[in-house]
Amino acid sequence: MHMNWDVVNVEVKNNTALRVRFQDGLEGEVEFLPSAFRGVFAGLKDPGAFRQARVQDGVLTWPGDLDLAPDAMHHAIATHGKWVLD
């Protein structure tokens, strides 16, 4: 079952930011601050890895089973126009 917050498109803007579009038409940016590249996301410090962002089954993902919660991303973008991860 698809939800309004399913991600339908992702565009890599640079080595720390993405632009996403949701099924309901909402668009916005996801920005990683340097402090966000830790734990499971440490590998995304590598621009080559970060740029492998893709949409899989309505979720923004990277190789290695990394993903971002689409509902939280949608809420932040709906509220602030962007989601800043720190």
N, C-alpha and C. Protein backbone atom coordinates (compact mmCIF):
# COMPACT_ATOMS: atom_id res chain seq x y z
N MET A 1 0.85 -1.19 0.00
CA MET A 1 0.00 0.00 0.00
C MET A 1 0.89 1.25 0.00
N HIS A 2 0.60 2.15 -0.91
CA HIS A 2 1.42 3.36 -1.01
C HIS A 2 0.79 4.49 -0.19
N MET A 3 1.66 5.27 0.41
CA MET A 3 1.22 6.39 1.23
C MET A 3 1.62 7.70 0.55
N ASN A 4 1.01 8.79 0.98
CA ASN A 4 1.33 10.10 0.41
C ASN A 4 2.79 10.45 0.59
N TRP A 5 3.43 9.90 1.64
CA TRP A 5 4.82 10.27 1.89
C TRP A 5 5.80 9.35 1.16
N ASP A 6 5.32 8.48 0.28
CA ASP A 6 6.25 7.69 -0.52
C ASP A 6 7.08 8.64 -1.38
N VAL A 7 8.37 8.40 -1.41
CA VAL A 7 9.27 9.18 -2.26
C VAL A 7 9.17 8.63 -3.68
N VAL A 8 8.99 9.53 -4.65
CA VAL A 8 8.89 9.10 -6.04
C VAL A 8 10.10 9.53 -6.87
N ASN A 9 10.87 10.50 -6.37
CA ASN A 9 12.04 10.95 -7.12
C ASN A 9 13.08 11.52 -6.17
N VAL A 10 14.34 11.27 -6.49
CA VAL A 10 15.44 11.87 -5.72
C VAL A 10 16.47 12.39 -6.72
N GLU A 11 16.98 13.56 -6.43
CA GLU A 11 18.01 14.19 -7.25
C GLU A 11 19.14 14.61 -6.32
N VAL A 12 20.35 14.17 -6.64
CA VAL A 12 21.51 14.55 -5.83
C VAL A 12 21.91 15.96 -6.22
N LYS A 13 21.90 16.88 -5.26
CA LYS A 13 22.25 18.28 -5.54
C LYS A 13 23.75 18.52 -5.40
N ASN A 14 24.34 17.92 -4.38
CA ASN A 14 25.79 18.02 -4.16
C ASN A 14 26.18 16.86 -3.26
N ASN A 15 27.33 16.95 -2.61
CA ASN A 15 27.81 15.82 -1.82
C ASN A 15 27.16 15.70 -0.45
N THR A 16 26.27 16.64 -0.10
CA THR A 16 25.61 16.57 1.20
C THR A 16 24.12 16.87 1.13
N ALA A 17 23.58 17.11 -0.05
CA ALA A 17 22.16 17.49 -0.15
C ALA A 17 21.46 16.78 -1.30
N LEU A 18 20.19 16.51 -1.08
CA LEU A 18 19.33 15.85 -2.06
C LEU A 18 18.05 16.65 -2.20
N ARG A 19 17.41 16.51 -3.35
CA ARG A 19 16.07 17.06 -3.53
C ARG A 19 15.14 15.87 -3.74
N VAL A 20 14.07 15.83 -2.99
CA VAL A 20 13.13 14.71 -3.08
C VAL A 20 11.75 15.20 -3.47
N ARG A 21 11.00 14.32 -4.13
CA ARG A 21 9.59 14.59 -4.44
C ARG A 21 8.78 13.40 -3.94
N PHE A 22 7.67 13.73 -3.29
CA PHE A 22 6.80 12.71 -2.74
C PHE A 22 5.60 12.46 -3.65
N GLN A 23 4.93 11.36 -3.39
CA GLN A 23 3.77 10.97 -4.20
C GLN A 23 2.69 12.05 -4.21
N ASP A 24 2.55 12.79 -3.10
CA ASP A 24 1.51 13.81 -3.03
C ASP A 24 1.93 15.13 -3.68
N GLY A 25 3.14 15.17 -4.29
CA GLY A 25 3.58 16.37 -4.99
C GLY A 25 4.50 17.26 -4.17
N LEU A 26 4.59 17.04 -2.88
CA LEU A 26 5.48 17.84 -2.03
C LEU A 26 6.92 17.62 -2.46
N GLU A 27 7.69 18.71 -2.55
CA GLU A 27 9.10 18.64 -2.88
C GLU A 27 9.91 19.42 -1.86
N GLY A 28 11.13 18.99 -1.63
CA GLY A 28 12.00 19.72 -0.73
C GLY A 28 13.38 19.11 -0.68
N GLU A 29 14.22 19.72 0.16
CA GLU A 29 15.61 19.27 0.25
C GLU A 29 15.85 18.49 1.53
N VAL A 30 16.78 17.56 1.43
CA VAL A 30 17.31 16.82 2.57
C VAL A 30 18.78 17.18 2.62
N GLU A 31 19.21 17.74 3.73
CA GLU A 31 20.59 18.19 3.87
C GLU A 31 21.25 17.49 5.05
N PHE A 32 22.41 16.92 4.78
CA PHE A 32 23.20 16.29 5.84
C PHE A 32 24.24 17.30 6.32
N LEU A 33 24.21 17.63 7.59
CA LEU A 33 25.29 18.41 8.18
C LEU A 33 26.47 17.46 8.42
N PRO A 34 27.70 17.98 8.53
CA PRO A 34 28.84 17.09 8.75
C PRO A 34 28.65 16.13 9.92
N SER A 35 27.98 16.60 10.97
CA SER A 35 27.78 15.76 12.16
C SER A 35 26.84 14.58 11.90
N ALA A 36 26.09 14.61 10.79
CA ALA A 36 25.16 13.51 10.49
C ALA A 36 25.88 12.29 9.93
N PHE A 37 27.10 12.48 9.43
CA PHE A 37 27.84 11.37 8.83
C PHE A 37 28.56 10.57 9.91
N ARG A 38 27.77 9.87 10.73
CA ARG A 38 28.32 9.05 11.80
C ARG A 38 27.46 7.79 11.90
N GLY A 39 27.92 6.85 12.67
CA GLY A 39 27.16 5.61 12.83
C GLY A 39 26.94 4.95 11.48
N VAL A 40 25.70 4.51 11.24
CA VAL A 40 25.41 3.81 9.99
C VAL A 40 25.63 4.70 8.77
N PHE A 41 25.56 6.03 8.95
CA PHE A 41 25.71 6.94 7.82
C PHE A 41 27.15 7.40 7.58
N ALA A 42 28.11 6.88 8.38
CA ALA A 42 29.50 7.31 8.25
C ALA A 42 30.03 7.11 6.82
N GLY A 43 29.63 6.04 6.18
CA GLY A 43 30.12 5.74 4.84
C GLY A 43 29.67 6.74 3.80
N LEU A 44 28.58 7.48 4.09
CA LEU A 44 28.06 8.46 3.12
C LEU A 44 28.90 9.73 3.07
N LYS A 45 29.91 9.83 3.96
CA LYS A 45 30.87 10.94 3.87
C LYS A 45 31.59 10.89 2.53
N ASP A 46 31.72 9.68 1.98
CA ASP A 46 32.34 9.51 0.67
C ASP A 46 31.35 9.98 -0.39
N PRO A 47 31.71 11.04 -1.15
CA PRO A 47 30.77 11.57 -2.14
C PRO A 47 30.28 10.52 -3.12
N GLY A 48 31.15 9.58 -3.48
CA GLY A 48 30.73 8.52 -4.41
C GLY A 48 29.62 7.68 -3.83
N ALA A 49 29.70 7.43 -2.52
CA ALA A 49 28.66 6.64 -1.86
C ALA A 49 27.38 7.47 -1.71
N PHE A 50 27.52 8.73 -1.29
CA PHE A 50 26.36 9.59 -1.09
C PHE A 50 25.55 9.73 -2.38
N ARG A 51 26.27 9.84 -3.50
CA ARG A 51 25.61 10.06 -4.79
C ARG A 51 24.91 8.82 -5.33
N GLN A 52 24.98 7.72 -4.60
CA GLN A 52 24.26 6.51 -5.02
C GLN A 52 22.84 6.48 -4.46
N ALA A 53 22.38 7.60 -3.92
CA ALA A 53 21.00 7.67 -3.39
C ALA A 53 20.02 7.29 -4.49
N ARG A 54 19.00 6.53 -4.11
CA ARG A 54 17.97 6.13 -5.07
C ARG A 54 16.66 5.89 -4.34
N VAL A 55 15.60 5.74 -5.10
CA VAL A 55 14.29 5.44 -4.52
C VAL A 55 14.00 3.97 -4.73
N GLN A 56 13.64 3.31 -3.64
CA GLN A 56 13.27 1.90 -3.72
C GLN A 56 12.01 1.69 -2.90
N ASP A 57 10.95 1.28 -3.55
CA ASP A 57 9.67 1.03 -2.87
C ASP A 57 9.20 2.22 -2.04
N GLY A 58 9.37 3.44 -2.59
CA GLY A 58 8.88 4.64 -1.93
C GLY A 58 9.78 5.16 -0.82
N VAL A 59 10.98 4.59 -0.71
CA VAL A 59 11.90 4.98 0.36
C VAL A 59 13.22 5.44 -0.26
N LEU A 60 13.80 6.51 0.29
CA LEU A 60 15.11 6.98 -0.12
C LEU A 60 16.16 6.05 0.49
N THR A 61 16.95 5.40 -0.37
CA THR A 61 17.89 4.40 0.11
C THR A 61 19.27 4.59 -0.51
N TRP A 62 20.23 3.93 0.12
CA TRP A 62 21.59 3.80 -0.40
C TRP A 62 21.99 2.34 -0.30
N PRO A 63 22.98 1.93 -1.09
CA PRO A 63 23.47 0.54 -0.95
C PRO A 63 23.91 0.28 0.49
N GLY A 64 23.75 -0.96 0.93
CA GLY A 64 24.12 -1.32 2.28
C GLY A 64 22.95 -1.20 3.25
N ASP A 65 21.73 -1.22 2.71
CA ASP A 65 20.52 -1.18 3.54
C ASP A 65 20.39 0.10 4.35
N LEU A 66 20.91 1.22 3.84
CA LEU A 66 20.72 2.51 4.50
C LEU A 66 19.47 3.16 3.93
N ASP A 67 18.67 3.76 4.79
CA ASP A 67 17.51 4.49 4.30
C ASP A 67 17.12 5.57 5.30
N LEU A 68 16.25 6.46 4.83
CA LEU A 68 15.71 7.52 5.67
C LEU A 68 14.20 7.32 5.78
N ALA A 69 13.66 7.55 6.96
CA ALA A 69 12.23 7.36 7.20
C ALA A 69 11.43 8.36 6.36
N PRO A 70 10.63 7.89 5.40
CA PRO A 70 9.91 8.82 4.53
C PRO A 70 8.86 9.65 5.26
N ASP A 71 8.24 9.10 6.30
CA ASP A 71 7.21 9.86 7.01
C ASP A 71 7.83 11.04 7.76
N ALA A 72 8.96 10.82 8.42
CA ALA A 72 9.65 11.90 9.13
C ALA A 72 10.18 12.95 8.14
N MET A 73 10.70 12.48 7.01
CA MET A 73 11.21 13.39 5.98
C MET A 73 10.07 14.25 5.43
N HIS A 74 8.94 13.64 5.15
CA HIS A 74 7.78 14.36 4.61
C HIS A 74 7.31 15.41 5.61
N HIS A 75 7.22 15.04 6.88
CA HIS A 75 6.76 15.97 7.90
C HIS A 75 7.68 17.18 7.99
N ALA A 76 8.99 16.94 8.02
CA ALA A 76 9.95 18.04 8.15
C ALA A 76 9.89 18.97 6.93
N ILE A 77 9.78 18.39 5.74
CA ILE A 77 9.74 19.21 4.53
C ILE A 77 8.42 19.97 4.44
N ALA A 78 7.32 19.33 4.84
CA ALA A 78 6.02 20.01 4.84
C ALA A 78 6.03 21.18 5.81
N THR A 79 6.76 21.04 6.92
CA THR A 79 6.79 22.06 7.95
C THR A 79 7.82 23.15 7.68
N HIS A 80 9.02 22.76 7.24
CA HIS A 80 10.14 23.70 7.13
C HIS A 80 10.67 23.87 5.70
N GLY A 81 10.19 23.08 4.75
CA GLY A 81 10.69 23.17 3.37
C GLY A 81 11.95 22.36 3.15
N LYS A 82 12.58 21.91 4.23
CA LYS A 82 13.75 21.05 4.10
C LYS A 82 13.89 20.23 5.37
N TRP A 83 14.67 19.17 5.26
CA TRP A 83 14.97 18.33 6.42
C TRP A 83 16.47 18.35 6.60
N VAL A 84 16.92 18.91 7.70
CA VAL A 84 18.36 19.00 7.99
C VAL A 84 18.71 17.93 9.01
N LEU A 85 19.60 17.03 8.62
CA LEU A 85 20.04 15.96 9.51
C LEU A 85 21.35 16.38 10.16
N ASP A 86 21.40 16.27 11.49
CA ASP A 86 22.66 16.64 12.17
C ASP A 86 23.05 15.58 13.17
